[in-house]
PDB file of N, CA and C in Angstrom:
ATOM      1  N   MET A   1     -13.484  -9.166   0.195  1.00  0.00           N
ATOM      2  CA  MET A   1     -14.973  -9.594  -0.419  1.00  0.00           C
ATOM      3  C   MET A   1     -14.881 -11.472   0.613  1.00  0.00           C
ATOM      4  N   SER A   2     -15.435 -11.854   1.291  1.00  0.00           N
ATOM      5  CA  SER A   2     -15.369 -12.863   1.687  1.00  0.00           C
ATOM      6  C   SER A   2     -15.715 -13.882   1.065  1.00  0.00           C
ATOM      7  N   ALA A   3     -15.787 -15.295   1.494  1.00  0.00           N
ATOM      8  CA  ALA A   3     -15.291 -16.616   0.414  1.00  0.00           C
ATOM      9  C   ALA A   3     -17.092 -16.453  -0.102  1.00  0.00           C
ATOM     10  N   ASN A   4     -17.110 -17.624  -0.788  1.00  0.00           N
ATOM     11  CA  ASN A   4     -18.225 -18.173  -1.370  1.00  0.00           C
ATOM     12  C   ASN A   4     -18.870 -16.673  -2.037  1.00  0.00           C
ATOM     13  N   GLU A   5     -18.465 -16.021  -2.109  1.00  0.00           N
ATOM     14  CA  GLU A   5     -19.150 -14.660  -3.016  1.00  0.00           C
ATOM     15  C   GLU A   5     -18.958 -15.020  -4.461  1.00  0.00           C
ATOM     16  N   TYR A   6     -20.269 -15.118  -5.219  1.00  0.00           N
ATOM     17  CA  TYR A   6     -19.491 -15.176  -7.005  1.00  0.00           C
ATOM     18  C   TYR A   6     -19.519 -14.013  -7.884  1.00  0.00           C
ATOM     19  N   PRO A   7     -19.015 -12.773  -7.579  1.00  0.00           N
ATOM     20  CA  PRO A   7     -18.952 -11.787  -8.378  1.00  0.00           C
ATOM     21  C   PRO A   7     -19.605 -11.251  -9.744  1.00  0.00           C
ATOM     22  N   GLU A   8     -19.453 -12.695 -10.735  1.00  0.00           N
ATOM     23  CA  GLU A   8     -19.450 -13.000 -12.136  1.00  0.00           C
ATOM     24  C   GLU A   8     -20.368 -14.118 -11.927  1.00  0.00           C
ATOM     25  N   GLY A   9     -20.556 -15.202 -11.085  1.00  0.00           N
ATOM     26  CA  GLY A   9     -21.324 -15.868 -11.239  1.00  0.00           C
ATOM     27  C   GLY A   9     -20.224 -17.399 -11.169  1.00  0.00           C
ATOM     28  N   LYS A  10     -20.683 -17.970 -10.518  1.00  0.00           N
ATOM     29  CA  LYS A  10     -20.425 -19.579 -10.533  1.00  0.00           C
ATOM     30  C   LYS A  10     -19.614 -19.901 -11.720  1.00  0.00           C
ATOM     31  N   LEU A  11     -18.170 -20.081 -12.140  1.00  0.00           N
ATOM     32  CA  LEU A  11     -17.638 -20.527 -13.387  1.00  0.00           C
ATOM     33  C   LEU A  11     -18.388 -21.671 -13.701  1.00  0.00           C
ATOM     34  N   ARG A  12     -17.552 -22.918 -12.247  1.00  0.00           N
ATOM     35  CA  ARG A  12     -17.026 -24.534 -13.058  1.00  0.00           C
ATOM     36  C   ARG A  12     -18.003 -24.920 -11.506  1.00  0.00           C
ATOM     37  N   PRO A  13     -17.887 -25.740 -11.460  1.00  0.00           N
ATOM     38  CA  PRO A  13     -18.845 -26.556  -9.958  1.00  0.00           C
ATOM     39  C   PRO A  13     -18.141 -26.754  -8.720  1.00  0.00           C
ATOM     40  N   ASP A  14     -16.205 -26.726  -9.362  1.00  0.00           N
ATOM     41  CA  ASP A  14     -15.705 -26.573  -8.202  1.00  0.00           C
ATOM     42  C   ASP A  14     -15.058 -25.330  -8.133  1.00  0.00           C
ATOM     43  N   ASP A  15     -15.620 -23.804  -8.382  1.00  0.00           N
ATOM     44  CA  ASP A  15     -15.393 -23.005  -8.274  1.00  0.00           C
ATOM     45  C   ASP A  15     -15.789 -22.700  -6.496  1.00  0.00           C
ATOM     46  N   GLU A  16     -15.183 -22.140  -5.603  1.00  0.00           N
ATOM     47  CA  GLU A  16     -15.258 -21.430  -4.492  1.00  0.00           C
ATOM     48  C   GLU A  16     -15.717 -20.431  -4.079  1.00  0.00           C
ATOM     49  N   GLY A  17     -15.899 -19.718  -5.384  1.00  0.00           N
ATOM     50  CA  GLY A  17     -15.887 -17.809  -5.060  1.00  0.00           C
ATOM     51  C   GLY A  17     -14.901 -17.253  -4.893  1.00  0.00           C
ATOM     52  N   ALA A  18     -15.094 -15.982  -4.845  1.00  0.00           N
ATOM     53  CA  ALA A  18     -13.960 -14.667  -4.335  1.00  0.00           C
ATOM     54  C   ALA A  18     -12.642 -15.191  -3.576  1.00  0.00           C
ATOM     55  N   LEU A  19     -11.744 -14.878  -4.292  1.00  0.00           N
ATOM     56  CA  LEU A  19     -10.420 -15.403  -3.265  1.00  0.00           C
ATOM     57  C   LEU A  19      -9.172 -13.695  -3.546  1.00  0.00           C
ATOM     58  N   ASP A  20      -9.576 -13.181  -2.498  1.00  0.00           N
ATOM     59  CA  ASP A  20      -8.197 -12.055  -2.231  1.00  0.00           C
ATOM     60  C   ASP A  20      -6.801 -12.657  -2.521  1.00  0.00           C
ATOM     61  N   ILE A  21      -6.261 -11.835  -3.220  1.00  0.00           N
ATOM     62  CA  ILE A  21      -4.769 -11.919  -3.823  1.00  0.00           C
ATOM     63  C   ILE A  21      -4.025 -10.864  -3.067  1.00  0.00           C
ATOM     64  N   ALA A  22      -2.700 -11.114  -2.736  1.00  0.00           N
ATOM     65  CA  ALA A  22      -2.122  -9.491  -2.578  1.00  0.00           C
ATOM     66  C   ALA A  22      -0.628 -10.033  -2.648  1.00  0.00           C
ATOM     67  N   VAL A  23       0.055  -8.954  -3.443  1.00  0.00           N
ATOM     68  CA  VAL A  23       1.196  -9.391  -4.586  1.00  0.00           C
ATOM     69  C   VAL A  23       1.962  -8.058  -3.793  1.00  0.00           C
ATOM     70  N   GLY A  24       2.819  -8.294  -3.716  1.00  0.00           N
ATOM     71  CA  GLY A  24       4.017  -7.821  -2.613  1.00  0.00           C
ATOM     72  C   GLY A  24       5.974  -8.267  -2.643  1.00  0.00           C
ATOM     73  N   ARG A  25       6.825  -7.512  -2.087  1.00  0.00           N
ATOM     74  CA  ARG A  25       7.721  -8.278  -2.005  1.00  0.00           C
ATOM     75  C   ARG A  25       8.555  -8.220  -1.130  1.00  0.00           C
ATOM     76  N   GLN A  26       9.432  -9.490  -0.646  1.00  0.00           N
ATOM     77  CA  GLN A  26      10.592 -10.005   0.245  1.00  0.00           C
ATOM     78  C   GLN A  26      11.688  -9.484  -0.464  1.00  0.00           C
ATOM     79  N   ASP A  27      12.579  -8.495   0.020  1.00  0.00           N
ATOM     80  CA  ASP A  27      14.280  -8.604  -0.315  1.00  0.00           C
ATOM     81  C   ASP A  27      14.285  -8.506  -1.544  1.00  0.00           C
ATOM     82  N   ASP A  28      14.953  -9.149  -2.257  1.00  0.00           N
ATOM     83  CA  ASP A  28      15.020  -9.686  -4.426  1.00  0.00           C
ATOM     84  C   ASP A  28      13.733 -10.332  -4.667  1.00  0.00           C
ATOM     85  N   CYS A  29      12.950 -11.042  -4.133  1.00  0.00           N
ATOM     86  CA  CYS A  29      11.369 -11.688  -4.731  1.00  0.00           C
ATOM     87  C   CYS A  29      10.357 -11.379  -4.298  1.00  0.00           C
ATOM     88  N   VAL A  30       9.432 -11.817  -5.226  1.00  0.00           N
ATOM     89  CA  VAL A  30       8.430 -10.908  -5.443  1.00  0.00           C
ATOM     90  C   VAL A  30       7.078 -12.314  -5.389  1.00  0.00           C
ATOM     91  N   PHE A  31       6.386 -11.745  -4.082  1.00  0.00           N
ATOM     92  CA  PHE A  31       5.374 -13.588  -4.075  1.00  0.00           C
ATOM     93  C   PHE A  31       4.015 -12.895  -4.259  1.00  0.00           C
ATOM     94  N   ILE A  32       3.358 -13.903  -4.580  1.00  0.00           N
ATOM     95  CA  ILE A  32       1.997 -13.667  -4.778  1.00  0.00           C
ATOM     96  C   ILE A  32       1.220 -14.420  -3.797  1.00  0.00           C
ATOM     97  N   ALA A  33       0.285 -13.745  -2.492  1.00  0.00           N
ATOM     98  CA  ALA A  33      -0.141 -14.589  -1.528  1.00  0.00           C
ATOM     99  C   ALA A  33      -1.651 -14.514  -1.531  1.00  0.00           C
ATOM    100  N   PHE A  34      -2.563 -16.231  -1.222  1.00  0.00           N
ATOM    101  CA  PHE A  34      -3.521 -15.947  -0.877  1.00  0.00           C
ATOM    102  C   PHE A  34      -4.063 -16.769   0.165  1.00  0.00           C
ATOM    103  N   GLN A  35      -5.166 -16.215   0.817  1.00  0.00           N
ATOM    104  CA  GLN A  35      -6.143 -16.082   1.418  1.00  0.00           C
ATOM    105  C   GLN A  35      -6.104 -17.818   2.042  1.00  0.00           C
ATOM    106  N   LYS A  36      -6.163 -18.568   1.500  1.00  0.00           N
ATOM    107  CA  LYS A  36      -6.458 -19.947   1.401  1.00  0.00           C
ATOM    108  C   LYS A  36      -6.245 -21.094   0.275  1.00  0.00           C
ATOM    109  N   PRO A  37      -5.794 -22.437   0.486  1.00  0.00           N
ATOM    110  CA  PRO A  37      -5.049 -22.908  -0.934  1.00  0.00           C
ATOM    111  C   PRO A  37      -5.977 -23.192  -1.581  1.00  0.00           C
ATOM    112  N   VAL A  38      -5.217 -22.573  -2.866  1.00  0.00           N
ATOM    113  CA  VAL A  38      -6.028 -22.798  -4.370  1.00  0.00           C
ATOM    114  C   VAL A  38      -5.563 -23.668  -5.164  1.00  0.00           C
ATOM    115  N   MET A  39      -6.610 -24.183  -6.099  1.00  0.00           N
ATOM    116  CA  MET A  39      -6.539 -24.958  -6.642  1.00  0.00           C
ATOM    117  C   MET A  39      -6.620 -23.977  -8.289  1.00  0.00           C
ATOM    118  N   TRP A  40      -6.907 -23.403  -8.798  1.00  0.00           N
ATOM    119  CA  TRP A  40      -6.924 -22.684  -9.849  1.00  0.00           C
ATOM    120  C   TRP A  40      -7.690 -21.306  -9.514  1.00  0.00           C
ATOM    121  N   ILE A  41      -7.467 -20.104 -10.400  1.00  0.00           N
ATOM    122  CA  ILE A  41      -7.951 -19.348 -10.362  1.00  0.00           C
ATOM    123  C   ILE A  41      -8.591 -18.735 -11.826  1.00  0.00           C
ATOM    124  N   ALA A  42      -9.292 -17.825 -11.624  1.00  0.00           N
ATOM    125  CA  ALA A  42      -9.625 -16.877 -12.666  1.00  0.00           C
ATOM    126  C   ALA A  42     -10.073 -15.371 -12.554  1.00  0.00           C
ATOM    127  N   MET A  43      -9.996 -15.122 -13.469  1.00  0.00           N
ATOM    128  CA  MET A  43     -10.511 -13.418 -13.733  1.00  0.00           C
ATOM    129  C   MET A  43     -10.823 -12.768 -14.221  1.00  0.00           C
ATOM    130  N   GLU A  44     -11.593 -11.421 -14.246  1.00  0.00           N
ATOM    131  CA  GLU A  44     -12.211 -10.969 -15.585  1.00  0.00           C
ATOM    132  C   GLU A  44     -11.191  -9.856 -15.546  1.00  0.00           C
ATOM    133  N   PRO A  45     -10.751  -9.946 -17.094  1.00  0.00           N
ATOM    134  CA  PRO A  45      -9.839  -9.289 -17.623  1.00  0.00           C
ATOM    135  C   PRO A  45      -9.197  -7.509 -17.118  1.00  0.00           C
ATOM    136  N   GLU A  46     -10.295  -6.926 -16.452  1.00  0.00           N
ATOM    137  CA  GLU A  46      -9.587  -6.059 -15.668  1.00  0.00           C
ATOM    138  C   GLU A  46      -8.703  -6.150 -14.781  1.00  0.00           C
ATOM    139  N   TYR A  47      -9.445  -7.257 -14.378  1.00  0.00           N
ATOM    140  CA  TYR A  47      -8.260  -7.738 -12.690  1.00  0.00           C
ATOM    141  C   TYR A  47      -7.013  -7.957 -13.467  1.00  0.00           C
ATOM    142  N   ILE A  48      -6.983  -8.663 -14.519  1.00  0.00           N
ATOM    143  CA  ILE A  48      -5.687  -8.920 -14.991  1.00  0.00           C
ATOM    144  C   ILE A  48      -4.327  -7.796 -15.460  1.00  0.00           C
ATOM    145  N   ASP A  49      -5.153  -7.094 -15.739  1.00  0.00           N
ATOM    146  CA  ASP A  49      -4.121  -5.652 -16.122  1.00  0.00           C
ATOM    147  C   ASP A  49      -3.564  -5.374 -14.754  1.00  0.00           C
ATOM    148  N   ASP A  50      -4.659  -5.001 -13.459  1.00  0.00           N
ATOM    149  CA  ASP A  50      -3.948  -4.379 -12.147  1.00  0.00           C
ATOM    150  C   ASP A  50      -3.025  -5.447 -12.079  1.00  0.00           C
ATOM    151  N   LEU A  51      -3.341  -6.932 -11.841  1.00  0.00           N
ATOM    152  CA  LEU A  51      -2.483  -8.224 -11.748  1.00  0.00           C
ATOM    153  C   LEU A  51      -1.112  -7.826 -12.023  1.00  0.00           C
ATOM    154  N   ILE A  52      -1.138  -7.257 -13.292  1.00  0.00           N
ATOM    155  CA  ILE A  52       0.497  -7.208 -14.418  1.00  0.00           C
ATOM    156  C   ILE A  52       1.022  -5.911 -13.464  1.00  0.00           C
ATOM    157  N   ALA A  53       0.257  -5.181 -13.369  1.00  0.00           N
ATOM    158  CA  ALA A  53       1.148  -3.663 -12.785  1.00  0.00           C
ATOM    159  C   ALA A  53       1.619  -4.098 -11.627  1.00  0.00           C
ATOM    160  N   LYS A  54       1.075  -5.034 -10.821  1.00  0.00           N
ATOM    161  CA  LYS A  54       1.456  -4.763  -9.456  1.00  0.00           C
ATOM    162  C   LYS A  54       2.717  -5.596  -9.575  1.00  0.00           C
ATOM    163  N   LEU A  55       2.620  -6.829 -10.003  1.00  0.00           N
ATOM    164  CA  LEU A  55       3.750  -7.470 -10.892  1.00  0.00           C
ATOM    165  C   LEU A  55       4.681  -6.887 -11.082  1.00  0.00           C
ATOM    166  N   GLN A  56       4.644  -6.347 -12.449  1.00  0.00           N
ATOM    167  CA  GLN A  56       5.564  -5.080 -12.844  1.00  0.00           C
ATOM    168  C   GLN A  56       6.063  -4.284 -11.741  1.00  0.00           C
ATOM    169  N   LYS A  57       5.633  -3.876 -11.012  1.00  0.00           N
ATOM    170  CA  LYS A  57       6.050  -2.653  -9.906  1.00  0.00           C
ATOM    171  C   LYS A  57       6.485  -3.260  -8.763  1.00  0.00           C
ATOM    172  N   HIS A  58       6.481  -4.523  -8.226  1.00  0.00           N
ATOM    173  CA  HIS A  58       7.114  -5.341  -7.220  1.00  0.00           C
ATOM    174  C   HIS A  58       8.783  -5.786  -7.998  1.00  0.00           C
ATOM    175  N   LYS A  59       8.609  -6.300  -9.087  1.00  0.00           N
ATOM    176  CA  LYS A  59       9.847  -6.982 -10.280  1.00  0.00           C
ATOM    177  C   LYS A  59      10.402  -5.834 -10.293  1.00  0.00           C
ATOM    178  N   ALA A  60      10.161  -4.288 -10.167  1.00  0.00           N
ATOM    179  CA  ALA A  60      11.294  -3.576 -10.645  1.00  0.00           C
ATOM    180  C   ALA A  60      12.108  -3.007  -9.138  1.00  0.00           C
ATOM    181  N   ALA A  61      11.134  -3.269  -8.198  1.00  0.00           N
ATOM    182  CA  ALA A  61      11.828  -3.242  -6.731  1.00  0.00           C
ATOM    183  C   ALA A  61      12.528  -4.113  -6.096  1.00  0.00           C
ATOM    184  N   ALA A  62      12.575  -5.282  -6.675  1.00  0.00           N
ATOM    185  CA  ALA A  62      13.114  -6.841  -6.652  1.00  0.00           C
ATOM    186  C   ALA A  62      14.670  -6.670  -6.897  1.00  0.00           C
ATOM    187  N   LEU A  63      14.580  -6.171  -8.518  1.00  0.00           N
ATOM    188  CA  LEU A  63      15.468  -6.228  -9.116  1.00  0.00           C
ATOM    189  C   LEU A  63      16.127  -5.789  -9.109  1.00  0.00           C
ATOM    190  N   GLU A  64      16.064  -4.174  -8.524  1.00  0.00           N
ATOM    191  CA  GLU A  64      16.952  -2.616  -7.940  1.00  0.00           C
ATOM    192  C   GLU A  64      17.399  -3.498  -6.383  1.00  0.00           C
ATOM    193  N   ALA A  65      16.904  -4.558  -5.376  1.00  0.00           N
ATOM    194  CA  ALA A  65      17.090  -4.968  -4.686  1.00  0.00           C
ATOM    195  C   ALA A  65      18.471  -5.950  -5.008  1.00  0.00           C
ATOM    196  N   ARG A  66      18.413  -7.237  -5.499  1.00  0.00           N
ATOM    197  CA  ARG A  66      18.945  -8.234  -6.313  1.00  0.00           C
ATOM    198  C   ARG A  66      20.307  -7.477  -6.721  1.00  0.00           C
ATOM    199  N   GLN A  67      20.304  -6.164  -7.383  1.00  0.00           N
ATOM    200  CA  GLN A  67      21.118  -5.720  -8.192  1.00  0.00           C
ATOM    201  C   GLN A  67      22.130  -4.867  -6.699  1.00  0.00           C
ATOM    202  N   LYS A  68      21.478  -4.091  -6.211  1.00  0.00           N
ATOM    203  CA  LYS A  68      22.330  -3.215  -4.969  1.00  0.00           C
ATOM    204  C   LYS A  68      23.023  -4.571  -4.013  1.00  0.00           C
ATOM    205  N   ARG A  69      22.730  -5.735  -3.772  1.00  0.00           N
ATOM    206  CA  ARG A  69      22.869  -7.198  -2.505  1.00  0.00           C
ATOM    207  C   ARG A  69      23.996  -7.474  -3.949  1.00  0.00           C
ATOM    208  N   LYS A  70      24.146  -8.226  -4.699  1.00  0.00           N
ATOM    209  CA  LYS A  70      25.295  -8.061  -5.641  1.00  0.00           C
ATOM    210  C   LYS A  70      26.394  -7.327  -5.665  1.00  0.00           C
ATOM    211  N   SER A  71      26.074  -6.296  -5.778  1.00  0.00           N
ATOM    212  CA  SER A  71      27.053  -5.240  -5.570  1.00  0.00           C
ATOM    213  C   SER A  71      27.713  -4.778  -4.483  1.00  0.00           C
ATOM    214  N   GLN A  72      27.320  -5.202  -3.665  1.00  0.00           N
ATOM    215  CA  GLN A  72      27.681  -5.204  -1.999  1.00  0.00           C
ATOM    216  C   GLN A  72      29.087  -5.825  -1.586  1.00  0.00           C
TER     217      GLN A  72
END
């Protein structure tokens, strides 16, 4: 989705439009990456479920990596 698209309409005057978000893991940490600096985000409920699922998946992998690192 490109910047300044408003798939659900403009929410507030300072709404800058759609934002791509990536969730990932590096070593034993989970990260959320944004395509540009942001002050706030709003999400439709169905996207929240997707974000939660991705965070939980990467959390499990990060915890496993942390346990392996501590046991070495």
